[in-house]
N, C-alpha and C. Protein backbone atom coordinates (compact mmCIF):
# COMPACT_ATOMS: atom_id res chain seq x y z
N MET A 1 63.33 110.71 80.44
CA MET A 1 63.88 111.34 81.23
C MET A 1 64.66 110.18 82.02
N VAL A 2 63.93 108.79 82.84
CA VAL A 2 64.67 108.45 83.38
C VAL A 2 65.35 106.99 83.03
N THR A 3 65.45 107.05 81.41
CA THR A 3 66.76 106.56 80.11
C THR A 3 67.27 107.03 80.42
N LEU A 4 67.06 108.29 79.78
CA LEU A 4 68.57 109.07 79.97
C LEU A 4 69.81 109.44 80.61
N VAL A 5 69.06 109.69 82.41
CA VAL A 5 69.98 109.24 83.72
C VAL A 5 70.55 107.45 83.98
N ILE A 6 69.97 106.44 83.58
CA ILE A 6 70.15 105.55 83.54
C ILE A 6 71.72 105.74 82.70
N LEU A 7 71.56 105.97 81.59
CA LEU A 7 72.57 105.62 80.16
C LEU A 7 73.52 106.78 80.98
N GLY A 8 73.54 107.84 81.40
CA GLY A 8 74.80 108.65 81.94
C GLY A 8 75.25 108.30 82.59
N ILE A 9 74.49 107.32 83.82
CA ILE A 9 75.25 106.83 84.63
C ILE A 9 75.97 104.72 84.61
N LEU A 10 75.64 104.80 83.42
CA LEU A 10 76.23 103.14 82.81
C LEU A 10 77.50 104.46 82.55
N ALA A 11 77.59 105.32 81.20
CA ALA A 11 78.27 106.16 80.64
C ALA A 11 79.37 106.49 81.66
N ALA A 12 79.02 106.67 82.64
CA ALA A 12 80.59 107.34 84.27
C ALA A 12 80.80 105.97 84.37
N VAL A 13 80.26 104.93 84.90
CA VAL A 13 80.64 103.47 85.32
C VAL A 13 81.90 103.21 84.02
N ILE A 14 81.31 103.16 82.90
CA ILE A 14 82.03 102.27 81.76
C ILE A 14 83.56 103.52 82.04
N ALA A 15 83.72 104.65 81.76
CA ALA A 15 84.72 105.49 81.35
C ALA A 15 85.37 105.39 82.55
N LEU A 16 85.16 105.52 84.14
CA LEU A 16 85.91 104.75 85.36
C LEU A 16 87.05 103.85 85.00
N ILE A 17 85.59 103.07 84.55
CA ILE A 17 86.42 101.79 84.35
C ILE A 17 87.67 101.37 83.78
N VAL A 18 87.46 102.08 82.16
CA VAL A 18 88.20 102.23 81.67
C VAL A 18 89.27 102.92 81.93
N GLY A 19 89.02 104.29 82.49
CA GLY A 19 90.30 104.67 83.39
C GLY A 19 91.20 104.79 84.20
N ILE A 20 90.77 103.73 84.73
CA ILE A 20 91.62 102.73 86.27
C ILE A 20 92.05 102.00 85.06
N THR A 21 91.67 101.29 83.83
CA THR A 21 92.62 99.38 83.66
C THR A 21 93.68 100.38 82.77
N THR A 22 93.48 101.86 81.92
CA THR A 22 94.56 102.25 81.39
C THR A 22 95.17 103.15 81.50
N GLY A 23 95.82 103.20 83.38
CA GLY A 23 96.12 104.43 83.89
C GLY A 23 97.38 103.65 83.48
N LYS A 24 98.12 105.36 83.67
CA LYS A 24 99.14 104.71 84.05
C LYS A 24 100.17 103.37 85.64
N ASP A 25 99.82 102.93 85.54
CA ASP A 25 101.24 101.42 87.12
C ASP A 25 101.26 102.63 87.83
N ARG A 26 101.05 102.77 88.89
CA ARG A 26 101.89 103.71 90.23
C ARG A 26 103.37 103.07 90.23
N TYR A 27 103.56 101.49 90.02
CA TYR A 27 104.99 101.15 90.74
C TYR A 27 105.87 102.17 89.39
N ALA A 28 105.76 102.51 88.34
CA ALA A 28 106.44 102.57 87.41
C ALA A 28 107.63 103.27 87.36
N GLU A 29 106.86 104.51 88.13
CA GLU A 29 107.49 105.98 88.18
C GLU A 29 108.16 105.72 89.98
N MET A 30 107.95 104.88 90.21
CA MET A 30 108.24 104.49 91.82
C MET A 30 110.31 103.70 92.38
N SER A 31 110.63 105.21 93.89
CA SER A 31 112.19 104.47 93.78
C SER A 31 111.93 103.09 93.88
N GLU A 32 112.92 102.62 94.45
CA GLU A 32 113.46 101.74 95.35
C GLU A 32 112.77 101.87 96.42
N GLU A 33 113.13 102.86 97.55
CA GLU A 33 112.85 103.28 98.70
C GLU A 33 110.99 103.43 98.86
N GLU A 34 110.30 103.96 97.88
CA GLU A 34 108.83 104.06 98.00
C GLU A 34 108.39 102.88 97.70
N PHE A 35 109.52 102.14 97.31
CA PHE A 35 108.67 101.13 96.74
C PHE A 35 108.47 99.70 97.99
N GLU A 36 109.66 99.75 99.07
CA GLU A 36 110.32 98.95 100.33
C GLU A 36 108.94 99.77 101.22
N ALA A 37 108.94 101.05 101.28
CA ALA A 37 108.12 101.45 102.23
C ALA A 37 106.72 101.22 101.72
N GLU A 38 106.49 100.49 100.41
CA GLU A 38 104.67 99.43 100.34
C GLU A 38 104.53 98.65 100.43
N ALA A 39 106.00 97.61 100.15
CA ALA A 39 105.68 96.48 100.31
C ALA A 39 105.61 96.55 102.17
N ARG A 40 106.33 96.75 102.79
CA ARG A 40 106.23 96.55 104.65
C ARG A 40 104.82 97.34 104.75
N ARG A 41 104.44 98.15 104.42
CA ARG A 41 102.71 98.69 105.20
C ARG A 41 102.37 97.57 104.25
N ALA A 42 102.18 97.50 102.80
CA ALA A 42 100.72 96.00 102.68
C ALA A 42 101.12 94.68 104.05
N SER A 43 101.88 94.28 104.03
CA SER A 43 103.00 93.57 105.14
C SER A 43 102.49 93.80 106.09
N LEU A 44 101.65 94.83 106.42
CA LEU A 44 101.39 95.21 107.93
C LEU A 44 99.83 94.70 107.93
N LEU A 45 99.26 95.16 106.29
CA LEU A 45 97.88 94.85 106.71
C LEU A 45 97.21 93.74 106.65
N GLY A 46 98.62 92.74 105.82
CA GLY A 46 98.54 91.77 105.94
C GLY A 46 98.49 90.68 107.17
N ALA A 47 99.24 91.30 107.91
CA ALA A 47 99.59 90.33 109.55
C ALA A 47 98.10 90.71 110.63
N ALA A 48 98.05 91.99 109.73
CA ALA A 48 96.48 92.87 110.98
C ALA A 48 95.06 91.78 110.10
N VAL A 49 94.90 91.34 109.53
CA VAL A 49 94.57 90.65 108.92
C VAL A 49 94.55 88.84 109.68
N MET A 50 95.49 88.41 109.57
CA MET A 50 95.63 86.92 109.64
C MET A 50 95.29 87.19 111.15
N GLU A 51 96.06 88.60 112.09
CA GLU A 51 95.63 88.33 113.49
C GLU A 51 94.41 88.48 113.71
N MET A 52 93.31 88.92 112.96
CA MET A 52 91.66 88.83 113.29
C MET A 52 91.90 87.68 112.94
N HIS A 53 91.93 87.50 111.95
CA HIS A 53 91.27 85.84 111.67
C HIS A 53 92.09 84.91 112.53
N LYS A 54 92.15 85.14 113.20
CA LYS A 54 93.25 83.72 114.01
C LYS A 54 92.26 83.89 115.29
N PHE A 55 91.85 85.26 115.55
CA PHE A 55 91.00 85.76 116.48
C PHE A 55 89.40 85.22 116.21
N LEU A 56 89.34 84.81 115.37
CA LEU A 56 87.80 83.90 114.66
C LEU A 56 88.06 82.19 113.96
N GLN A 57 89.14 83.00 113.61
CA GLN A 57 89.31 80.55 113.72
C GLN A 57 90.51 80.26 113.70
N PRO A 58 90.99 80.54 115.56
CA PRO A 58 92.45 79.90 115.62
C PRO A 58 92.83 78.60 114.75
N THR A 59 92.43 77.56 114.63
CA THR A 59 92.82 76.25 114.47
C THR A 59 93.26 76.45 113.21
N ARG A 60 92.39 76.88 112.25
CA ARG A 60 92.23 77.30 110.71
C ARG A 60 94.11 77.81 110.28
N VAL A 61 94.06 78.88 111.59
CA VAL A 61 94.99 79.89 111.22
C VAL A 61 96.58 79.18 111.27
N GLU A 62 96.30 78.61 112.63
CA GLU A 62 97.25 77.75 113.09
C GLU A 62 98.13 76.91 111.63
N PHE A 63 96.73 76.07 111.47
CA PHE A 63 97.57 75.03 110.29
C PHE A 63 97.71 75.90 109.11
N THR A 64 97.73 76.96 108.89
CA THR A 64 97.68 77.10 107.42
C THR A 64 99.32 77.80 108.48
N ARG A 65 99.71 78.61 109.27
CA ARG A 65 101.03 78.96 109.18
C ARG A 65 102.33 77.58 109.44
N LYS A 66 102.30 76.74 110.04
CA LYS A 66 102.41 75.69 110.33
C LYS A 66 102.79 74.55 108.47
N ARG A 67 101.79 74.71 108.01
CA ARG A 67 101.35 74.25 106.35
C ARG A 67 102.98 75.60 105.55
N ASP A 68 102.63 77.09 106.24
CA ASP A 68 103.79 77.77 105.05
C ASP A 68 105.42 77.77 105.49
N LYS A 69 105.01 77.12 106.94
CA LYS A 69 106.39 76.89 107.42
C LYS A 69 107.70 75.72 106.83
N ARG A 70 106.69 74.24 106.08
CA ARG A 70 106.94 73.27 106.43
C ARG A 70 107.17 73.94 104.46
N VAL A 71 106.77 74.75 103.92
CA VAL A 71 107.05 74.99 102.40
C VAL A 71 108.09 75.66 102.50
N GLU A 72 107.99 76.64 103.35
CA GLU A 72 108.96 77.35 102.95
C GLU A 72 110.59 76.52 103.85
N GLY A 73 110.64 75.61 104.41
CA GLY A 73 111.91 74.59 104.80
C GLY A 73 112.72 73.50 103.77
N ASP A 74 111.06 72.96 102.53
CA ASP A 74 110.81 72.21 101.95
C ASP A 74 111.66 73.21 100.43
N SER A 75 111.93 74.66 99.94
CA SER A 75 112.69 75.04 100.03
C SER A 75 114.35 75.69 100.39
N VAL A 76 114.86 75.50 101.00
CA VAL A 76 115.58 74.98 101.34
C VAL A 76 116.67 74.78 100.38
N GLU A 77 117.56 75.08 100.05
CA GLU A 77 119.22 74.30 99.01
C GLU A 77 119.64 73.43 99.75
N ALA A 78 119.86 72.38 99.86
CA ALA A 78 120.62 71.53 100.43
C ALA A 78 121.38 71.90 100.33
N GLY A 79 122.35 71.19 101.29
CA GLY A 79 123.83 71.66 102.32
C GLY A 79 123.63 72.23 103.07
N GLU A 80 122.28 73.07 103.04
CA GLU A 80 122.11 74.63 103.46
C GLU A 80 122.33 74.24 105.22
N PRO A 81 123.11 75.05 106.58
CA PRO A 81 122.73 74.49 107.29
C PRO A 81 120.83 74.45 108.50
N PRO A 82 121.02 74.23 109.04
CA PRO A 82 119.71 73.65 109.36
C PRO A 82 118.93 74.82 110.16
N SER A 83 120.58 75.95 110.56
CA SER A 83 119.82 76.76 111.40
C SER A 83 119.43 78.29 110.95
N LYS A 84 119.18 77.77 109.29
CA LYS A 84 118.72 79.20 108.14
C LYS A 84 117.18 78.15 107.86
N LEU A 85 116.90 76.71 108.66
CA LEU A 85 115.77 75.98 108.70
C LEU A 85 114.38 76.83 109.11
N PRO A 86 113.43 77.40 109.40
CA PRO A 86 112.40 78.80 110.10
C PRO A 86 111.96 77.67 111.76
N PRO A 87 112.16 77.48 112.31
CA PRO A 87 111.25 76.79 113.50
C PRO A 87 109.93 76.83 113.01
N VAL A 88 109.72 75.82 113.52
CA VAL A 88 108.21 74.87 113.39
C VAL A 88 107.20 74.98 114.33
N ARG A 89 106.56 75.54 114.69
CA ARG A 89 105.50 75.33 116.34
C ARG A 89 104.71 74.26 116.48
């Protein structure tokens, strides 16, 4: 009886994994406006996590932000005016 229950739970988990991995892509039928809204929502979540992390480890987050700004600055095309460069704090 216990073995049957365990096999049933195992089969349900396997079916769930297969269903999730072979399901429809949620971005495939999304309009451009819906996609932009989804990207903005994800960005807000990332910003909230970053601020919480900044509260817990302020020096590490500041180092990461400065590093990211340097990488963005390095990716600017040659000859672009300096006004397009992100300010480094």
